[in-house]
Amino acid sequence: MPKVKTSEAPGSAQAEPLPATYEAGLAELETLVLKLESGQLPLDQLLSAYQRGAALLGFCRDRLQAVDDQIQVLDGTSLKPWNNA
């Protein structure tokens, strides 16, 4: 069975803009997780919340990866380990 991209699903949460910051994305993701874990969402809202959560998770991972990449650049070119020898 072929995998369906969430961006192609009709009425998907992808239509909502992504947050401006990592912190805002993480806060929204945490709220969604609480709603999903509560078991109180109707099925159609459950699917929409799951799709939005997947988009937020990707956003947060991308932001963290960008910061990690910047740190690697700094470690490799600007910062030198300090030896007290």
Protein backbone atom coordinates (compact mmCIF):
# COMPACT_ATOMS: atom_id res chain seq x y z
CA MET A 1 0.00 0.00 0.00
CA PRO A 2 1.58 3.35 -1.02
CA LYS A 3 2.31 5.90 1.68
CA VAL A 4 0.13 9.01 1.50
CA LYS A 5 1.78 12.34 2.26
CA THR A 6 -0.04 14.41 4.86
CA SER A 7 0.25 17.49 2.67
CA GLU A 8 -1.90 15.77 0.04
CA ALA A 9 -4.68 14.74 2.40
CA PRO A 10 -7.79 16.88 1.99
CA GLY A 11 -8.45 19.13 4.95
CA SER A 12 -5.09 18.29 6.46
CA ALA A 13 -3.47 20.34 9.18
CA GLN A 14 -0.78 21.36 6.70
CA ALA A 15 -2.97 24.33 5.72
CA GLU A 16 -2.26 25.88 9.13
CA PRO A 17 0.91 27.96 9.19
CA LEU A 18 3.81 26.70 11.22
CA PRO A 19 4.75 28.59 14.39
CA ALA A 20 7.26 31.42 14.29
CA THR A 21 9.53 29.90 16.93
CA TYR A 22 10.66 26.54 18.23
CA GLU A 23 9.19 27.33 21.64
CA ALA A 24 5.76 28.10 20.17
CA GLY A 25 5.86 24.91 18.12
CA LEU A 26 6.85 22.82 21.12
CA ALA A 27 4.09 24.35 23.26
CA GLU A 28 1.46 23.62 20.59
CA LEU A 29 2.80 20.09 20.15
CA GLU A 30 2.62 19.43 23.90
CA THR A 31 -0.98 20.66 23.97
CA LEU A 32 -1.88 18.39 21.05
CA VAL A 33 -0.27 15.39 22.71
CA LEU A 34 -2.34 15.97 25.85
CA LYS A 35 -5.52 16.14 23.76
CA LEU A 36 -4.59 12.99 21.83
CA GLU A 37 -3.75 11.09 25.00
CA SER A 38 -7.02 12.12 26.66
CA GLY A 39 -8.99 9.91 24.27
CA GLN A 40 -11.77 12.46 24.14
CA LEU A 41 -11.36 13.66 20.53
CA PRO A 42 -13.80 12.48 17.85
CA LEU A 43 -12.21 10.43 15.08
CA ASP A 44 -12.12 13.22 12.48
CA GLN A 45 -10.49 15.61 14.95
CA LEU A 46 -8.12 12.88 16.05
CA LEU A 47 -6.79 12.47 12.52
CA SER A 48 -6.46 16.22 12.05
CA ALA A 49 -4.67 16.61 15.38
CA TYR A 50 -2.31 13.75 14.50
CA GLN A 51 -1.47 15.36 11.15
CA ARG A 52 -0.85 18.73 12.80
CA GLY A 53 1.31 17.04 15.41
CA ALA A 54 3.39 15.36 12.72
CA ALA A 55 3.91 18.73 11.02
CA LEU A 56 4.88 20.36 14.32
CA LEU A 57 7.25 17.51 15.15
CA GLY A 58 8.99 17.95 11.80
CA PHE A 59 9.20 21.71 12.36
CA CYS A 60 10.75 21.27 15.82
CA ARG A 61 13.21 18.64 14.58
CA ASP A 62 14.27 20.94 11.72
CA ARG A 63 14.83 23.83 14.12
CA LEU A 64 16.89 21.66 16.46
CA GLN A 65 18.91 20.30 13.55
CA ALA A 66 19.64 23.84 12.33
CA VAL A 67 20.93 24.82 15.78
CA ASP A 68 23.00 21.63 16.00
CA ASP A 69 24.51 22.37 12.58
CA GLN A 70 25.45 25.88 13.72
CA ILE A 71 27.09 24.49 16.87
CA GLN A 72 29.07 21.99 14.78
CA VAL A 73 30.35 24.85 12.61
CA LEU A 74 31.39 26.82 15.68
CA ASP A 75 33.07 23.80 17.23
CA GLY A 76 34.97 23.11 14.02
CA THR A 77 36.17 26.60 13.15
CA SER A 78 35.88 29.05 16.02
CA LEU A 79 36.06 27.17 19.28
CA LYS A 80 39.06 25.16 20.35
CA PRO A 81 39.10 22.72 23.24
CA TRP A 82 40.84 24.14 26.29
CA ASN A 83 43.61 21.95 27.68
CA ASN A 84 44.86 22.76 31.13
CA ALA A 85 48.06 20.78 30.57
